[in-house]
Amino acid sequence: MLLLAAIAWGTLSGGLRQIPESRTLGQRVETGVQLACGVLSVLSLLTCFWWRRTRSATLTAWTVSLVTTAFLSSLVWGPPALLVGLGLAALTLLVARAIIWLLRTGLGA
């Protein structure tokens, strides 16, 4: 749960800082997805205690937003690097799956 809370804080605070710096459409889209990831991180934490029926859908949406944020960030902030973006997306997917496994087995409590 602490990892999910840290991701929530990082994505929300980082996304809010990026808003004034977002100049291109890609940067604005990535910032929006990053902010959505932060909100979904908070919602995922809440589904550990309430709204348990929505937990699976919330964690799936969170995973998609986290992977998308990691992928897009390498493309729109700095020189585009497709292979780096794909590598980050793959690594982020593994981390997200590990966090979900910890939450589901109770080790994240």
Protein backbone atom coordinates (compact mmCIF):
# COMPACT_ATOMS: atom_id res chain seq x y z
CA MET A 1 0.00 0.00 0.00
CA LEU A 2 2.91 2.32 0.65
CA LEU A 3 4.15 1.80 -2.91
CA LEU A 4 0.72 2.69 -4.26
CA ALA A 5 0.58 5.77 -2.03
CA ALA A 6 4.04 6.83 -3.21
CA ILE A 7 2.98 6.41 -6.83
CA ALA A 8 -0.17 8.44 -6.14
CA TRP A 9 1.87 11.26 -4.61
CA GLY A 10 4.52 11.20 -7.34
CA THR A 11 2.13 11.13 -10.27
CA LEU A 12 -0.21 13.77 -8.87
CA SER A 13 2.50 16.20 -7.76
CA GLY A 14 4.54 15.63 -10.92
CA GLY A 15 1.50 16.04 -13.15
CA LEU A 16 0.50 19.28 -11.44
CA ARG A 17 4.05 20.64 -11.89
CA GLN A 18 4.00 19.65 -15.57
CA ILE A 19 0.79 21.49 -16.43
CA PRO A 20 2.42 24.89 -17.03
CA GLU A 21 5.34 23.24 -18.86
CA SER A 22 3.16 21.24 -21.27
CA ARG A 23 3.55 22.93 -24.62
CA THR A 24 2.79 20.23 -27.19
CA LEU A 25 -0.31 18.09 -27.57
CA GLY A 26 1.71 15.01 -26.61
CA GLN A 27 2.93 16.65 -23.42
CA ARG A 28 -0.60 17.67 -22.50
CA VAL A 29 -1.91 14.16 -23.14
CA GLU A 30 0.90 12.59 -21.08
CA THR A 31 0.27 15.05 -18.25
CA GLY A 32 -3.45 14.21 -18.30
CA VAL A 33 -2.75 10.49 -18.25
CA GLN A 34 -0.28 11.03 -15.40
CA LEU A 35 -2.87 12.92 -13.37
CA ALA A 36 -5.43 10.19 -14.11
CA CYS A 37 -2.88 7.65 -12.88
CA GLY A 38 -2.58 9.56 -9.63
CA VAL A 39 -6.34 9.62 -9.14
CA LEU A 40 -6.56 5.92 -10.00
CA SER A 41 -3.77 5.20 -7.52
CA VAL A 42 -5.82 6.84 -4.76
CA LEU A 43 -8.95 4.97 -5.90
CA SER A 44 -6.99 1.71 -5.90
CA LEU A 45 -5.96 2.36 -2.31
CA LEU A 46 -9.56 3.05 -1.36
CA THR A 47 -10.71 -0.24 -2.93
CA CYS A 48 -8.53 -2.05 -0.41
CA PHE A 49 -11.06 -0.95 2.22
CA TRP A 50 -14.26 0.10 0.42
CA TRP A 51 -15.91 -0.51 -2.96
CA ARG A 52 -14.22 -3.91 -3.23
CA ARG A 53 -16.40 -4.93 -6.17
CA THR A 54 -14.69 -2.27 -8.28
CA ARG A 55 -11.19 -3.27 -7.19
CA SER A 56 -10.29 -5.38 -10.23
CA ALA A 57 -11.48 -2.78 -12.74
CA THR A 58 -9.78 0.03 -10.83
CA LEU A 59 -6.46 -1.82 -10.67
CA THR A 60 -6.68 -2.63 -14.37
CA ALA A 61 -7.32 1.03 -15.24
CA TRP A 62 -4.49 2.06 -12.91
CA THR A 63 -2.09 -0.38 -14.60
CA VAL A 64 -2.99 0.90 -18.07
CA SER A 65 -2.55 4.53 -16.98
CA LEU A 66 0.78 3.83 -15.27
CA VAL A 67 2.21 1.96 -18.27
CA THR A 68 0.91 4.62 -20.66
CA THR A 69 2.48 7.38 -18.57
CA ALA A 70 5.84 5.62 -18.56
CA PHE A 71 5.70 5.02 -22.32
CA LEU A 72 4.57 8.51 -23.31
CA SER A 73 6.98 10.33 -21.02
CA SER A 74 9.98 9.06 -22.97
CA LEU A 75 8.39 10.13 -26.24
CA VAL A 76 7.15 13.63 -25.44
CA TRP A 77 9.62 15.01 -22.87
CA GLY A 78 12.97 15.28 -24.60
CA PRO A 79 14.17 13.53 -27.72
CA PRO A 80 11.74 10.76 -28.73
CA ALA A 81 13.10 7.33 -27.84
CA LEU A 82 10.71 4.57 -28.91
CA LEU A 83 12.83 1.66 -27.67
CA VAL A 84 13.38 3.35 -24.31
CA GLY A 85 9.62 3.95 -24.08
CA LEU A 86 8.84 0.33 -24.82
CA GLY A 87 11.41 -0.81 -22.25
CA LEU A 88 10.00 1.53 -19.62
CA ALA A 89 6.48 0.35 -20.39
CA ALA A 90 7.48 -3.31 -20.03
CA LEU A 91 9.32 -2.67 -16.76
CA THR A 92 6.43 -0.59 -15.43
CA LEU A 93 3.99 -3.38 -16.27
CA LEU A 94 6.07 -5.82 -14.24
CA VAL A 95 6.19 -3.42 -11.28
CA ALA A 96 2.42 -2.81 -11.47
CA ARG A 97 1.73 -6.55 -11.56
CA ALA A 98 4.00 -7.05 -8.52
CA ILE A 99 2.15 -4.33 -6.59
CA ILE A 100 -1.20 -5.88 -7.50
CA TRP A 101 0.05 -9.30 -6.39
CA LEU A 102 1.16 -7.83 -3.05
CA LEU A 103 -2.23 -6.18 -2.58
CA ARG A 104 -4.14 -9.35 -3.42
CA THR A 105 -2.08 -11.63 -1.19
CA GLY A 106 -2.31 -9.27 1.74
CA LEU A 107 1.41 -8.57 1.88
CA GLY A 108 0.79 -4.96 0.91
CA ALA A 109 -1.18 -4.28 4.10
